[in-house]
């Protein structure tokens, strides 16, 4: 037998260690995280207004509207008999202009 209670042979008299109470700590941590998540957009907007511009780059590009030839082809796509008769030359010119516009747009993206 030892004079230390943990080294004694009869362990049923040894003091038992209790688990630390983590409930309040977890709740406080979750509450703090939630408040920070709710306040972050407001803080970012204040910092951006003080900085005079956006902090994070927004990769939004403005795509110019398609030329009138493309719009005419879209309108004529649902009409039957467009390629017959007098409109055939106009539709062919619109097709060529549309293909040229699409080609320029795809090459500009590269």
N, C-alpha and C. Protein backbone atom coordinates (compact mmCIF):
# COMPACT_ATOMS: atom_id res chain seq x y z
N UNK A 1 0.83 -1.17 0.00
CA UNK A 1 0.00 0.00 0.00
C UNK A 1 0.88 1.24 0.00
N UNK A 2 0.35 2.20 -0.70
CA UNK A 2 1.10 3.43 -0.85
C UNK A 2 0.39 4.55 -0.11
N UNK A 3 1.11 5.57 0.14
CA UNK A 3 0.49 6.70 0.80
C UNK A 3 -0.27 7.58 -0.19
N UNK A 4 -0.05 7.36 -1.50
CA UNK A 4 -0.80 8.10 -2.51
C UNK A 4 -2.10 7.36 -2.80
N UNK A 5 -3.22 8.06 -2.83
CA UNK A 5 -4.50 7.37 -3.01
C UNK A 5 -4.64 6.71 -4.37
N UNK A 6 -3.98 7.21 -5.39
CA UNK A 6 -4.16 6.63 -6.73
C UNK A 6 -3.35 5.35 -6.91
N UNK A 7 -2.30 5.15 -6.08
CA UNK A 7 -1.47 3.97 -6.22
C UNK A 7 -1.88 2.85 -5.25
N UNK A 8 -2.89 3.10 -4.48
CA UNK A 8 -3.35 2.12 -3.51
C UNK A 8 -3.98 0.93 -4.20
N UNK A 9 -3.92 -0.22 -3.63
CA UNK A 9 -4.49 -1.43 -4.23
C UNK A 9 -6.01 -1.39 -4.25
N UNK A 10 -6.60 -0.87 -3.23
CA UNK A 10 -8.07 -0.79 -3.21
C UNK A 10 -8.49 0.51 -3.90
N UNK A 11 -8.77 0.41 -5.17
CA UNK A 11 -9.02 1.57 -6.00
C UNK A 11 -10.43 2.11 -5.83
N UNK A 12 -11.28 1.39 -5.12
CA UNK A 12 -12.65 1.88 -4.99
C UNK A 12 -12.73 3.09 -4.06
N UNK A 13 -11.67 3.38 -3.32
CA UNK A 13 -11.66 4.57 -2.47
C UNK A 13 -10.93 5.73 -3.13
N UNK A 14 -10.43 5.51 -4.32
CA UNK A 14 -9.68 6.57 -5.00
C UNK A 14 -10.64 7.66 -5.47
N UNK A 15 -10.19 8.91 -5.46
CA UNK A 15 -11.06 9.99 -5.93
C UNK A 15 -11.29 9.87 -7.44
N UNK A 16 -12.50 10.09 -7.80
CA UNK A 16 -12.84 9.99 -9.24
C UNK A 16 -12.77 11.38 -9.86
N UNK A 17 -12.20 11.41 -11.04
CA UNK A 17 -12.11 12.68 -11.76
C UNK A 17 -13.39 12.89 -12.56
N UNK A 18 -13.91 14.08 -12.49
CA UNK A 18 -15.12 14.39 -13.25
C UNK A 18 -14.72 15.01 -14.58
N UNK A 19 -15.53 14.72 -15.56
CA UNK A 19 -15.29 15.31 -16.88
C UNK A 19 -15.56 16.81 -16.81
N UNK A 20 -14.74 17.59 -17.48
CA UNK A 20 -14.98 19.04 -17.45
C UNK A 20 -16.29 19.38 -18.15
N UNK A 21 -16.95 20.39 -17.66
CA UNK A 21 -18.22 20.81 -18.25
C UNK A 21 -17.93 21.66 -19.48
N UNK A 22 -18.24 21.12 -20.64
CA UNK A 22 -17.94 21.82 -21.89
C UNK A 22 -19.19 22.42 -22.52
N UNK A 23 -20.34 22.14 -21.98
CA UNK A 23 -21.58 22.67 -22.56
C UNK A 23 -21.60 24.18 -22.64
N UNK A 24 -21.32 24.90 -21.55
CA UNK A 24 -21.33 26.36 -21.64
C UNK A 24 -20.26 26.90 -22.58
N UNK A 25 -19.10 26.25 -22.63
CA UNK A 25 -18.05 26.71 -23.54
C UNK A 25 -18.46 26.53 -24.99
N UNK A 26 -19.08 25.40 -25.30
CA UNK A 26 -19.51 25.13 -26.68
C UNK A 26 -20.61 26.11 -27.08
N UNK A 27 -21.56 26.35 -26.18
CA UNK A 27 -22.64 27.29 -26.48
C UNK A 27 -22.10 28.70 -26.70
N UNK A 28 -21.16 29.12 -25.86
CA UNK A 28 -20.58 30.45 -26.02
C UNK A 28 -19.82 30.56 -27.33
N UNK A 29 -19.10 29.52 -27.70
CA UNK A 29 -18.35 29.53 -28.96
C UNK A 29 -19.29 29.59 -30.16
N UNK A 30 -20.37 28.82 -30.12
CA UNK A 30 -21.34 28.84 -31.21
C UNK A 30 -22.06 30.19 -31.30
N UNK A 31 -22.38 30.77 -30.17
CA UNK A 31 -23.02 32.08 -30.15
C UNK A 31 -22.10 33.14 -30.73
N UNK A 32 -20.83 33.12 -30.35
CA UNK A 32 -19.87 34.08 -30.88
C UNK A 32 -19.67 33.91 -32.39
N UNK A 33 -19.62 32.66 -32.85
CA UNK A 33 -19.48 32.40 -34.28
C UNK A 33 -20.70 32.90 -35.05
N UNK A 34 -21.89 32.68 -34.51
CA UNK A 34 -23.10 33.16 -35.18
C UNK A 34 -23.16 34.67 -35.25
N UNK A 35 -22.78 35.34 -34.18
CA UNK A 35 -22.77 36.81 -34.18
C UNK A 35 -21.76 37.33 -35.19
N UNK A 36 -20.59 36.71 -35.25
CA UNK A 36 -19.58 37.14 -36.22
C UNK A 36 -20.05 36.91 -37.66
N UNK A 37 -20.73 35.79 -37.90
CA UNK A 37 -21.22 35.50 -39.25
C UNK A 37 -22.30 36.48 -39.66
N UNK A 38 -23.12 36.90 -38.71
CA UNK A 38 -24.17 37.87 -39.03
C UNK A 38 -23.62 39.28 -39.20
N UNK A 39 -22.55 39.60 -38.51
CA UNK A 39 -21.99 40.94 -38.57
C UNK A 39 -20.99 41.12 -39.71
N UNK A 40 -20.48 40.04 -40.28
CA UNK A 40 -19.44 40.12 -41.29
C UNK A 40 -19.84 40.94 -42.53
N UNK A 41 -21.03 40.74 -43.12
CA UNK A 41 -21.37 41.58 -44.28
C UNK A 41 -21.42 43.07 -43.95
N UNK A 42 -21.93 43.40 -42.77
CA UNK A 42 -22.00 44.81 -42.40
C UNK A 42 -20.60 45.37 -42.19
N UNK A 43 -19.73 44.61 -41.57
CA UNK A 43 -18.36 45.06 -41.36
C UNK A 43 -17.64 45.24 -42.69
N UNK A 44 -17.83 44.29 -43.61
CA UNK A 44 -17.20 44.42 -44.93
C UNK A 44 -17.70 45.63 -45.69
N UNK A 45 -19.01 45.92 -45.61
CA UNK A 45 -19.53 47.08 -46.32
C UNK A 45 -18.98 48.37 -45.73
N UNK A 46 -18.81 48.43 -44.41
CA UNK A 46 -18.24 49.63 -43.79
C UNK A 46 -16.79 49.80 -44.21
N UNK A 47 -16.03 48.71 -44.22
CA UNK A 47 -14.62 48.78 -44.61
C UNK A 47 -14.49 49.17 -46.08
N UNK A 48 -15.37 48.63 -46.93
CA UNK A 48 -15.31 48.98 -48.35
C UNK A 48 -15.66 50.45 -48.56
N UNK A 49 -16.62 50.97 -47.80
CA UNK A 49 -16.96 52.38 -47.96
C UNK A 49 -15.82 53.27 -47.47
N UNK A 50 -15.12 52.85 -46.43
CA UNK A 50 -13.98 53.64 -45.97
C UNK A 50 -12.80 53.53 -46.92
N UNK A 51 -12.62 52.36 -47.53
CA UNK A 51 -11.50 52.15 -48.46
C UNK A 51 -11.76 52.81 -49.81
N UNK A 52 -13.00 53.06 -50.13
CA UNK A 52 -13.32 53.72 -51.38
C UNK A 52 -13.50 52.78 -52.55
N UNK A 53 -13.56 51.49 -52.33
CA UNK A 53 -13.75 50.54 -53.41
C UNK A 53 -13.93 49.15 -52.87
N UNK A 54 -14.24 48.22 -53.74
CA UNK A 54 -14.45 46.85 -53.27
C UNK A 54 -13.13 46.20 -52.83
N UNK A 55 -13.19 45.45 -51.74
CA UNK A 55 -12.01 44.75 -51.26
C UNK A 55 -11.74 43.49 -52.08
N UNK A 56 -12.80 42.78 -52.39
CA UNK A 56 -12.67 41.55 -53.17
C UNK A 56 -13.08 41.85 -54.60
N UNK A 57 -12.31 41.36 -55.54
CA UNK A 57 -12.65 41.62 -56.93
C UNK A 57 -13.85 40.78 -57.33
N UNK A 58 -14.76 41.41 -57.99
CA UNK A 58 -15.94 40.71 -58.48
C UNK A 58 -15.75 40.51 -59.98
N UNK A 59 -15.73 39.29 -60.40
CA UNK A 59 -15.44 38.96 -61.79
C UNK A 59 -16.69 39.04 -62.67
N UNK A 60 -17.49 40.02 -62.44
CA UNK A 60 -18.70 40.17 -63.24
C UNK A 60 -18.34 40.98 -64.49
N UNK A 61 -18.58 40.40 -65.63
CA UNK A 61 -18.31 41.10 -66.88
C UNK A 61 -19.64 41.40 -67.56
N UNK A 62 -19.70 42.55 -68.14
CA UNK A 62 -20.91 42.97 -68.85
C UNK A 62 -20.79 42.48 -70.28
N UNK A 63 -21.72 41.66 -70.68
CA UNK A 63 -21.72 41.12 -72.03
C UNK A 63 -22.56 42.06 -72.90
N UNK A 64 -21.96 42.57 -73.98
CA UNK A 64 -22.74 43.46 -74.84
C UNK A 64 -23.85 42.69 -75.53
N UNK A 65 -24.94 43.36 -75.82
CA UNK A 65 -26.03 42.66 -76.49
C UNK A 65 -25.61 42.22 -77.90
N UNK A 66 -26.21 41.16 -78.39
CA UNK A 66 -25.84 40.70 -79.73
C UNK A 66 -26.29 41.71 -80.79
N UNK A 67 -25.65 41.66 -81.93
CA UNK A 67 -26.05 42.59 -83.00
C UNK A 67 -27.47 42.31 -83.48
N UNK A 68 -27.98 43.25 -84.24
CA UNK A 68 -29.36 43.14 -84.73
C UNK A 68 -29.56 41.91 -85.61
N UNK A 69 -28.51 41.49 -86.32
CA UNK A 69 -28.64 40.33 -87.19
C UNK A 69 -28.98 39.08 -86.36
N UNK A 70 -28.35 38.95 -85.21
CA UNK A 70 -28.63 37.79 -84.35
C UNK A 70 -30.07 37.88 -83.82
N UNK A 71 -30.47 39.05 -83.44
CA UNK A 71 -31.83 39.22 -82.92
C UNK A 71 -32.88 38.93 -84.00
N UNK A 72 -32.58 39.34 -85.24
CA UNK A 72 -33.52 39.04 -86.33
C UNK A 72 -33.58 37.54 -86.59
N UNK A 73 -32.42 36.85 -86.50
CA UNK A 73 -32.42 35.39 -86.69
C UNK A 73 -33.19 34.68 -85.58
N UNK A 74 -33.07 35.16 -84.37
CA UNK A 74 -33.84 34.57 -83.27
C UNK A 74 -35.34 34.74 -83.51
N UNK A 75 -35.72 35.89 -83.98
CA UNK A 75 -37.14 36.15 -84.24
C UNK A 75 -37.63 35.30 -85.40
N UNK A 76 -36.78 35.09 -86.40
CA UNK A 76 -37.21 34.34 -87.58
C UNK A 76 -37.10 32.84 -87.38
N UNK A 77 -36.49 32.40 -86.29
CA UNK A 77 -36.27 30.96 -86.09
C UNK A 77 -37.58 30.21 -85.93
N UNK A 78 -38.58 30.84 -85.37
CA UNK A 78 -39.84 30.14 -85.16
C UNK A 78 -40.83 30.28 -86.31
N UNK A 79 -40.46 31.03 -87.34
CA UNK A 79 -41.38 31.28 -88.45
C UNK A 79 -41.08 30.30 -89.57
N UNK A 80 -42.11 29.65 -90.07
CA UNK A 80 -41.92 28.71 -91.19
C UNK A 80 -41.84 29.47 -92.51
N UNK A 81 -41.04 28.96 -93.41
CA UNK A 81 -40.95 29.53 -94.75
C UNK A 81 -40.11 30.78 -94.84
N UNK A 82 -39.21 31.01 -93.88
CA UNK A 82 -38.39 32.21 -93.92
C UNK A 82 -37.36 32.12 -95.04
N UNK A 83 -36.82 30.91 -95.27
CA UNK A 83 -35.80 30.76 -96.31
C UNK A 83 -36.39 30.74 -97.71
N UNK A 84 -37.67 30.73 -97.84
CA UNK A 84 -38.30 30.76 -99.15
C UNK A 84 -38.61 32.20 -99.53
N UNK A 85 -38.38 32.52 -100.76
CA UNK A 85 -38.84 33.81 -101.28
C UNK A 85 -37.84 34.93 -101.09
N UNK A 86 -38.40 36.11 -100.85
CA UNK A 86 -37.62 37.35 -100.88
C UNK A 86 -36.72 37.52 -99.66
N UNK A 87 -37.00 36.86 -98.57
CA UNK A 87 -36.21 37.05 -97.35
C UNK A 87 -34.95 36.19 -97.31
N UNK A 88 -34.74 35.38 -98.31
CA UNK A 88 -33.62 34.44 -98.28
C UNK A 88 -32.28 35.17 -98.23
N UNK A 89 -32.10 36.18 -99.01
CA UNK A 89 -30.83 36.92 -99.03
C UNK A 89 -30.58 37.62 -97.69
N UNK A 90 -31.62 38.18 -97.11
CA UNK A 90 -31.48 38.86 -95.81
C UNK A 90 -31.10 37.86 -94.72
N UNK A 91 -31.74 36.68 -94.74
CA UNK A 91 -31.46 35.67 -93.72
C UNK A 91 -30.03 35.15 -93.87
N UNK A 92 -29.58 34.97 -95.11
CA UNK A 92 -28.21 34.51 -95.32
C UNK A 92 -27.20 35.54 -94.83
N UNK A 93 -27.45 36.81 -95.06
CA UNK A 93 -26.56 37.87 -94.56
C UNK A 93 -26.57 37.90 -93.03
N UNK A 94 -27.75 37.72 -92.44
CA UNK A 94 -27.85 37.68 -90.98
C UNK A 94 -27.10 36.48 -90.41
N UNK A 95 -27.18 35.33 -91.11
CA UNK A 95 -26.46 34.15 -90.66
C UNK A 95 -24.95 34.38 -90.69
N UNK A 96 -24.46 34.98 -91.77
CA UNK A 96 -23.03 35.27 -91.86
C UNK A 96 -22.59 36.27 -90.79
N UNK A 97 -23.39 37.29 -90.56
CA UNK A 97 -23.06 38.28 -89.53
C UNK A 97 -23.08 37.64 -88.14
N UNK A 98 -24.02 36.75 -87.91
CA UNK A 98 -24.11 36.08 -86.60
C UNK A 98 -22.93 35.16 -86.36
N UNK A 99 -22.54 34.42 -87.39
CA UNK A 99 -21.38 33.53 -87.25
C UNK A 99 -20.12 34.34 -87.03
N UNK A 100 -19.98 35.45 -87.73
CA UNK A 100 -18.80 36.30 -87.54
C UNK A 100 -18.77 36.87 -86.12
N UNK A 101 -19.93 37.28 -85.62
CA UNK A 101 -20.00 37.82 -84.26
C UNK A 101 -19.65 36.75 -83.23
N UNK A 102 -20.17 35.54 -83.41
CA UNK A 102 -19.86 34.45 -82.48
C UNK A 102 -18.38 34.09 -82.51
N UNK A 103 -17.78 34.11 -83.70
CA UNK A 103 -16.36 33.81 -83.84
C UNK A 103 -15.51 34.87 -83.15
N UNK A 104 -15.86 36.14 -83.33
CA UNK A 104 -15.12 37.21 -82.67
C UNK A 104 -15.23 37.08 -81.15
N UNK A 105 -16.41 36.75 -80.68
CA UNK A 105 -16.63 36.65 -79.23
C UNK A 105 -15.85 35.47 -78.65
N UNK A 106 -15.81 34.36 -79.36
CA UNK A 106 -15.08 33.19 -78.84
C UNK A 106 -13.57 33.41 -78.89
N UNK A 107 -13.08 34.11 -79.91
CA UNK A 107 -11.65 34.39 -79.99
C UNK A 107 -11.22 35.44 -78.97
N UNK A 108 -12.11 36.37 -78.65
CA UNK A 108 -11.79 37.39 -77.66
C UNK A 108 -11.71 36.78 -76.26
N UNK A 109 -12.45 35.71 -76.01
CA UNK A 109 -12.45 35.06 -74.70
C UNK A 109 -11.13 34.33 -74.45
N UNK A 110 -10.45 33.95 -75.48
CA UNK A 110 -9.18 33.22 -75.33
C UNK A 110 -8.11 34.19 -75.11
